[in-house]
Amino acid sequence: MNEYDQKAVVARNPIAAAAFYITNILLFPITLLGYVIWVGKILLAGGKSGASMTAQGPLSARWFEHNLGTREDEPANRLMMALSGVSPLGVRLAAGPMLLAQRLTGYVPKAFRYPFEGDVPPQYEASARIAFFDIAVDRHYADIDQFVILGAGFDTRAFRLPKDMRVKIFEVDMPKTQATKREMLAKAGIDLTGVTFVAADFEKDDWLARLVDAGFDPGKPTFFLWEGVIMYLDREAVLATLLKIASTVKGSAVAFDYFTTEPLDSRSLYWRYARATTNAAGEPLKFGIDSTPPSRERLAEMLASCGLSLVEQRTLGQETEGKRAWGGFAVAVVK
């Protein structure tokens, strides 16, 4: 049994799980204090910088996986502590009991196992999608000349990839979010060599034209990563983005996650809370794929209308007579 398999066995051990959660319960006051400090600084700094407030969630998931030893991501580890909206003390207090419990027991909570196991509940979507996109990037990277991260936020994927001068890497994001990220990357001492930053608003700017101005070649094979973005754009911007991707050379691909219309319309307590928090952050949920079962077919139809072909997809949520899927992960290619 290799080291990974040994860790996986421990991660599911009920005795280890019990010890893990008992430790966390006993130290909960420390965790609570940490989150109060952490969230308080996010709320204060988010408004000042103008950077996306929802961008920190995915970075936090990667930071936890790195520190729990399930997925190495040193750039995420360093960037997290450098962000102006993050209190290092708050993070250490909030995460400390969990990290200590993991060290003592070897148990890893489901949210931070890599790859994510089983059905994906909405609250774990940001963690579960990491492995899907890691696999998609690995599968296509050897066959592309360009890698474009759309709505990059605080993603550190570009800085984890091997330094390969053959592949040109671009990040496209909102001007204020990107400016904050570049400042914090420099503060964290992360090498930016090989990454070209392009500032654009998907709902207002022609991001592809700006990308071309920055050295992007639409005639070369490209992999576009569009993670945690589509649900925050209006329908016009979503379709326009897909059409722009489809205008690049045949065989180029895009990987993305999406919501259906269920999160936008559901009266469940969870989705009402999710909509309230994103509204409060100034980043409301705007777009969802038609949830009429099977939602995969609705997605494929939309992609086909834009000149793209669905090649891989995972539905999130059960599609039954009384339930509708709430989202999914997908990869599509230019026809």
Protein backbone atom coordinates (compact mmCIF):
# COMPACT_ATOMS: atom_id res chain seq x y z
CA MET A 1 0.00 0.00 0.00
CA ASN A 2 1.51 3.36 -1.07
CA GLU A 3 1.55 6.52 1.04
CA TYR A 4 -1.51 8.01 -0.72
CA ASP A 5 -3.57 4.85 -0.14
CA GLN A 6 -2.52 4.78 3.52
CA LYS A 7 -3.65 8.39 3.97
CA ALA A 8 -6.93 7.62 2.20
CA VAL A 9 -7.64 4.73 4.59
CA VAL A 10 -6.99 6.94 7.62
CA ALA A 11 -9.13 9.70 6.14
CA ARG A 12 -12.16 7.40 6.26
CA ASN A 13 -11.44 5.73 9.62
CA PRO A 14 -14.45 6.30 11.95
CA ILE A 15 -12.28 6.33 15.09
CA ALA A 16 -9.95 8.92 13.54
CA ALA A 17 -13.02 10.91 12.46
CA ALA A 18 -14.44 10.88 15.98
CA ALA A 19 -11.14 12.05 17.47
CA PHE A 20 -10.87 14.74 14.79
CA TYR A 21 -14.29 16.22 15.48
CA ILE A 22 -13.93 15.99 19.27
CA THR A 23 -10.70 17.98 19.03
CA ASN A 24 -12.41 20.61 16.88
CA ILE A 25 -15.37 20.86 19.26
CA LEU A 26 -13.11 21.36 22.27
CA LEU A 27 -11.17 24.09 20.45
CA PHE A 28 -14.20 25.69 18.78
CA PRO A 29 -13.88 29.03 20.66
CA ILE A 30 -10.50 29.53 19.00
CA THR A 31 -11.95 28.72 15.58
CA LEU A 32 -14.87 31.11 16.09
CA LEU A 33 -12.59 33.95 17.17
CA GLY A 34 -10.42 33.36 14.11
CA TYR A 35 -13.37 33.50 11.72
CA VAL A 36 -14.65 36.72 13.30
CA ILE A 37 -11.25 38.36 12.74
CA TRP A 38 -10.86 36.84 9.25
CA VAL A 39 -14.31 37.75 7.91
CA GLY A 40 -14.20 41.16 9.53
CA LYS A 41 -11.04 42.09 7.66
CA ILE A 42 -12.42 40.70 4.38
CA LEU A 43 -15.46 42.95 4.67
CA LEU A 44 -13.33 46.00 5.43
CA ALA A 45 -10.67 45.42 2.77
CA GLY A 46 -12.98 44.15 0.01
CA GLY A 47 -14.77 47.46 -0.30
CA LYS A 48 -11.55 49.48 -0.24
CA SER A 49 -9.67 47.61 -2.96
CA GLY A 50 -12.62 47.00 -5.27
CA ALA A 51 -11.39 43.42 -5.77
CA SER A 52 -13.89 40.57 -6.08
CA MET A 53 -15.01 39.40 -2.66
CA THR A 54 -16.08 35.98 -3.95
CA ALA A 55 -12.59 35.31 -5.35
CA GLN A 56 -11.18 34.49 -1.94
CA GLY A 57 -13.40 31.42 -1.42
CA PRO A 58 -11.67 29.21 -4.03
CA LEU A 59 -8.25 30.39 -2.83
CA SER A 60 -9.19 29.43 0.74
CA ALA A 61 -10.17 25.92 -0.43
CA ARG A 62 -6.78 25.47 -2.10
CA TRP A 63 -5.01 26.86 0.98
CA PHE A 64 -6.74 24.33 3.23
CA GLU A 65 -5.94 21.44 0.87
CA HIS A 66 -2.29 22.48 0.77
CA ASN A 67 -2.01 22.75 4.54
CA LEU A 68 -3.92 19.50 5.13
CA GLY A 69 -1.49 17.77 2.78
CA THR A 70 -4.01 16.64 0.15
CA ARG A 71 -2.95 18.88 -2.77
CA GLU A 72 0.28 20.81 -2.94
CA ASP A 73 -0.13 24.47 -3.90
CA GLU A 74 2.65 26.61 -2.45
CA PRO A 75 1.68 29.71 -4.50
CA ALA A 76 -1.83 29.56 -2.98
CA ASN A 77 -0.33 29.10 0.47
CA ARG A 78 1.80 32.23 0.09
CA LEU A 79 -0.78 34.37 -1.71
CA MET A 80 -3.44 33.67 0.92
CA MET A 81 -1.33 35.18 3.67
CA ALA A 82 -0.30 38.16 1.53
CA LEU A 83 -3.80 39.33 0.60
CA SER A 84 -4.67 42.73 1.99
CA GLY A 85 -8.12 41.40 2.92
CA VAL A 86 -6.75 38.55 5.00
CA SER A 87 -5.68 38.61 8.62
CA PRO A 88 -2.88 36.03 9.05
CA LEU A 89 -3.78 35.85 12.75
CA GLY A 90 -7.44 35.25 11.89
CA VAL A 91 -6.56 32.48 9.43
CA ARG A 92 -4.21 30.77 11.87
CA LEU A 93 -6.79 30.87 14.67
CA ALA A 94 -9.64 29.72 12.41
CA ALA A 95 -7.68 26.91 10.79
CA GLY A 96 -5.46 25.98 13.73
CA PRO A 97 -7.79 23.52 15.50
CA MET A 98 -8.57 21.70 12.23
CA LEU A 99 -4.89 21.47 11.25
CA LEU A 100 -3.95 20.26 14.73
CA ALA A 101 -6.74 17.66 14.71
CA GLN A 102 -5.60 16.45 11.30
CA ARG A 103 -1.99 16.14 12.48
CA LEU A 104 -3.09 14.16 15.54
CA THR A 105 -5.56 11.83 13.82
CA GLY A 106 -4.67 11.76 10.12
CA TYR A 107 -8.33 12.41 9.33
CA VAL A 108 -9.26 14.86 6.54
CA PRO A 109 -12.82 16.22 6.34
CA LYS A 110 -14.67 15.45 3.13
CA ALA A 111 -14.60 19.06 1.92
CA PHE A 112 -10.81 19.00 1.53
CA ARG A 113 -10.12 15.50 0.24
CA TYR A 114 -8.46 15.39 -3.13
CA PRO A 115 -9.96 14.32 -5.40
CA PHE A 116 -13.38 15.06 -3.92
CA GLU A 117 -15.40 11.92 -3.21
CA GLY A 118 -19.05 11.15 -3.88
CA ASP A 119 -21.94 13.52 -4.57
CA VAL A 120 -21.12 17.22 -4.45
CA PRO A 121 -23.30 19.37 -2.16
CA PRO A 122 -23.52 23.06 -3.15
CA GLN A 123 -21.37 24.24 -0.24
CA TYR A 124 -18.46 22.08 -1.47
CA GLU A 125 -18.61 23.05 -5.14
CA ALA A 126 -15.46 25.21 -5.00
CA SER A 127 -13.46 22.32 -3.50
CA ALA A 128 -14.92 19.58 -5.69
CA ARG A 129 -14.22 21.35 -8.98
CA ILE A 130 -10.47 21.61 -8.31
CA ALA A 131 -9.71 18.02 -9.32
CA PHE A 132 -12.03 18.21 -12.36
CA PHE A 133 -10.12 21.19 -13.71
CA ASP A 134 -6.71 19.79 -12.73
CA ILE A 135 -7.44 16.69 -14.80
CA ALA A 136 -8.81 18.73 -17.72
CA VAL A 137 -5.74 20.98 -17.81
CA ASP A 138 -3.35 18.02 -17.57
CA ARG A 139 -5.18 16.26 -20.40
CA HIS A 140 -4.91 19.20 -22.81
CA TYR A 141 -1.70 20.95 -21.80
CA ALA A 142 0.66 18.94 -23.98
CA ASP A 143 -1.37 19.75 -27.11
CA ILE A 144 -1.81 23.52 -26.74
CA ASP A 145 0.24 26.61 -27.49
CA GLN A 146 -1.76 28.95 -25.25
CA PHE A 147 -3.47 28.70 -21.88
CA VAL A 148 -6.01 31.38 -20.95
CA ILE A 149 -7.57 31.71 -17.49
CA LEU A 150 -10.78 33.72 -17.80
CA GLY A 151 -11.89 35.51 -14.64
CA ALA A 152 -8.75 34.29 -12.90
CA GLY A 153 -9.53 35.86 -9.53
CA PHE A 154 -6.95 34.69 -6.99
CA ASP A 155 -6.32 31.38 -8.77
CA THR A 156 -2.67 30.32 -8.62
CA ARG A 157 -2.77 27.61 -11.27
CA ALA A 158 -0.57 29.60 -13.66
CA PHE A 159 2.19 29.63 -11.05
CA ARG A 160 2.00 25.88 -10.34
CA LEU A 161 2.52 24.85 -13.95
CA PRO A 162 6.02 23.91 -15.11
CA LYS A 163 7.93 26.78 -16.71
CA ASP A 164 7.32 25.82 -20.33
CA MET A 165 8.18 28.59 -22.78
CA ARG A 166 6.28 26.65 -25.45
CA VAL A 167 2.94 27.55 -23.85
CA LYS A 168 1.97 31.20 -23.47
CA ILE A 169 -0.16 31.82 -20.37
CA PHE A 170 -2.69 34.64 -20.03
CA GLU A 171 -4.92 35.73 -17.17
CA VAL A 172 -8.03 37.84 -17.90
CA ASP A 173 -9.95 39.53 -15.10
CA MET A 174 -11.63 42.68 -13.86
CA PRO A 175 -9.15 45.58 -13.64
CA LYS A 176 -9.39 46.15 -9.87
CA THR A 177 -9.28 42.47 -8.95
CA GLN A 178 -6.31 41.90 -11.25
CA ALA A 179 -4.44 44.95 -9.96
CA THR A 180 -4.91 43.74 -6.37
CA LYS A 181 -3.77 40.24 -7.30
CA ARG A 182 -0.62 41.44 -9.05
CA GLU A 183 0.30 43.59 -6.08
CA MET A 184 -0.24 40.73 -3.64
CA LEU A 185 1.66 38.22 -5.83
CA ALA A 186 4.65 40.54 -5.77
CA LYS A 187 4.27 40.95 -2.01
CA ALA A 188 4.26 37.15 -1.63
CA GLY A 189 7.43 36.87 -3.71
CA ILE A 190 5.78 34.76 -6.42
CA ASP A 191 7.54 34.80 -9.80
CA LEU A 192 5.24 36.28 -12.47
CA THR A 193 7.52 35.36 -15.37
CA GLY A 194 5.65 33.77 -18.25
CA VAL A 195 2.19 35.07 -17.32
CA THR A 196 0.58 37.92 -19.28
CA PHE A 197 -2.15 39.84 -17.46
CA VAL A 198 -5.07 41.30 -19.43
CA ALA A 199 -7.60 43.55 -17.68
CA ALA A 200 -11.18 43.36 -19.00
CA ASP A 201 -14.80 43.40 -17.84
CA PHE A 202 -16.70 40.54 -19.52
CA GLU A 203 -19.95 42.52 -19.49
CA LYS A 204 -18.48 45.72 -20.94
CA ASP A 205 -15.23 45.05 -22.81
CA ASP A 206 -14.11 42.98 -25.79
CA TRP A 207 -11.80 40.76 -23.79
CA LEU A 208 -10.70 38.80 -26.87
CA ALA A 209 -9.55 41.95 -28.65
CA ARG A 210 -7.58 42.95 -25.57
CA LEU A 211 -6.14 39.46 -25.39
CA VAL A 212 -5.00 39.68 -29.03
CA ASP A 213 -3.44 43.07 -28.32
CA ALA A 214 -1.47 41.41 -25.52
CA GLY A 215 -0.03 38.76 -27.88
CA PHE A 216 -2.72 36.08 -28.04
CA ASP A 217 -3.05 34.29 -31.39
CA PRO A 218 -6.61 33.01 -32.16
CA GLY A 219 -5.12 30.69 -34.76
CA LYS A 220 -3.14 28.60 -32.26
CA PRO A 221 -4.54 25.74 -30.13
CA THR A 222 -5.72 27.13 -26.80
CA PHE A 223 -7.18 25.85 -23.57
CA PHE A 224 -9.51 28.27 -21.80
CA LEU A 225 -10.23 27.80 -18.10
CA TRP A 226 -13.38 29.61 -16.95
CA GLU A 227 -13.76 28.69 -13.29
CA GLY A 228 -16.30 30.13 -10.87
CA VAL A 229 -17.35 32.95 -13.21
CA ILE A 230 -20.28 32.10 -15.48
CA MET A 231 -22.91 32.31 -12.71
CA TYR A 232 -22.02 35.94 -11.98
CA LEU A 233 -22.46 37.19 -15.57
CA ASP A 234 -25.61 38.14 -17.44
CA ARG A 235 -26.79 35.89 -20.27
CA GLU A 236 -25.57 38.23 -22.99
CA ALA A 237 -22.02 38.21 -21.59
CA VAL A 238 -22.03 34.40 -21.19
CA LEU A 239 -23.08 33.80 -24.80
CA ALA A 240 -20.72 36.47 -26.11
CA THR A 241 -17.82 34.84 -24.28
CA LEU A 242 -18.65 31.40 -25.67
CA LEU A 243 -18.91 32.83 -29.18
CA LYS A 244 -15.50 34.45 -28.83
CA ILE A 245 -13.98 31.17 -27.68
CA ALA A 246 -15.64 29.42 -30.63
CA SER A 247 -14.01 31.92 -33.00
CA THR A 248 -10.57 30.54 -32.14
CA VAL A 249 -8.94 27.66 -34.01
CA LYS A 250 -10.75 24.32 -34.25
CA GLY A 251 -9.84 21.96 -31.43
CA SER A 252 -9.34 24.66 -28.81
CA ALA A 253 -11.20 23.83 -25.60
CA VAL A 254 -12.87 25.49 -22.64
CA ALA A 255 -13.52 24.05 -19.17
CA PHE A 256 -16.03 25.71 -16.86
CA ASP A 257 -18.43 25.17 -14.00
CA TYR A 258 -21.99 26.42 -14.05
CA PHE A 259 -25.26 26.70 -12.17
CA THR A 260 -28.64 25.82 -13.58
CA THR A 261 -31.61 28.12 -13.03
CA GLU A 262 -32.38 26.19 -9.82
CA PRO A 263 -30.05 28.29 -7.57
CA LEU A 264 -31.56 31.47 -9.02
CA ASP A 265 -35.18 30.44 -8.41
CA SER A 266 -35.09 27.99 -5.49
CA ARG A 267 -36.86 28.95 -2.26
CA SER A 268 -34.71 26.56 -0.20
CA LEU A 269 -32.98 28.09 2.80
CA TYR A 270 -29.51 27.34 1.41
CA TRP A 271 -30.02 29.02 -1.95
CA ARG A 272 -31.83 31.98 -0.42
CA TYR A 273 -28.85 32.46 1.88
CA ALA A 274 -26.38 32.03 -1.05
CA ARG A 275 -28.19 34.68 -3.08
CA ALA A 276 -28.28 37.04 -0.10
CA THR A 277 -24.54 36.72 0.56
CA THR A 278 -23.50 37.21 -3.08
CA ASN A 279 -25.87 40.19 -3.33
CA ALA A 280 -24.29 41.66 -0.22
CA ALA A 281 -20.86 41.22 -1.79
CA GLY A 282 -22.04 43.14 -4.86
CA GLU A 283 -21.71 40.03 -7.05
CA PRO A 284 -25.25 38.62 -7.47
CA LEU A 285 -25.99 35.32 -9.16
CA LYS A 286 -27.28 36.17 -12.64
CA PHE A 287 -27.06 33.20 -14.99
CA GLY A 288 -28.13 29.60 -14.97
CA ILE A 289 -28.48 26.86 -17.58
CA ASP A 290 -32.07 25.72 -18.20
CA SER A 291 -32.67 23.13 -15.47
CA THR A 292 -35.31 21.16 -17.45
CA PRO A 293 -34.13 17.51 -17.23
CA PRO A 294 -31.82 16.34 -18.54
CA SER A 295 -29.90 19.56 -17.95
CA ARG A 296 -26.88 18.12 -19.78
CA GLU A 297 -28.86 18.30 -23.02
CA ARG A 298 -29.85 21.90 -22.33
CA LEU A 299 -26.17 22.72 -21.81
CA ALA A 300 -25.15 20.91 -25.00
CA GLU A 301 -27.80 22.81 -26.97
CA MET A 302 -26.58 26.17 -25.70
CA LEU A 303 -22.97 25.32 -26.48
CA ALA A 304 -23.87 24.07 -29.97
CA SER A 305 -25.66 27.34 -30.71
CA CYS A 306 -22.36 29.11 -29.99
CA GLY A 307 -20.20 26.80 -32.12
CA LEU A 308 -18.93 24.53 -29.36
CA SER A 309 -19.30 20.79 -28.78
CA LEU A 310 -19.72 19.31 -25.28
CA VAL A 311 -17.15 16.53 -24.74
CA GLU A 312 -17.18 16.05 -20.96
CA GLN A 313 -19.74 16.89 -18.30
CA ARG A 314 -20.66 16.10 -14.70
CA THR A 315 -24.10 16.96 -13.38
CA LEU A 316 -24.34 18.28 -9.82
CA GLY A 317 -27.50 17.40 -7.93
CA GLN A 318 -29.98 14.63 -8.58
CA GLU A 319 -32.38 14.89 -11.49
CA THR A 320 -35.58 13.14 -10.50
CA GLU A 321 -39.27 13.77 -10.98
CA GLY A 322 -39.28 16.10 -8.01
CA LYS A 323 -35.74 17.48 -8.14
CA ARG A 324 -33.62 19.35 -10.64
CA ALA A 325 -29.85 19.52 -10.96
CA TRP A 326 -28.33 22.72 -9.57
CA GLY A 327 -25.11 22.83 -11.57
CA GLY A 328 -22.27 21.01 -13.25
CA PHE A 329 -18.71 20.87 -14.57
CA ALA A 330 -18.03 20.76 -18.31
CA VAL A 331 -15.45 20.76 -21.09
CA ALA A 332 -16.32 21.82 -24.63
CA VAL A 333 -14.26 22.09 -27.82
CA VAL A 334 -14.37 24.39 -30.82
CA LYS A 335 -16.08 22.59 -33.71
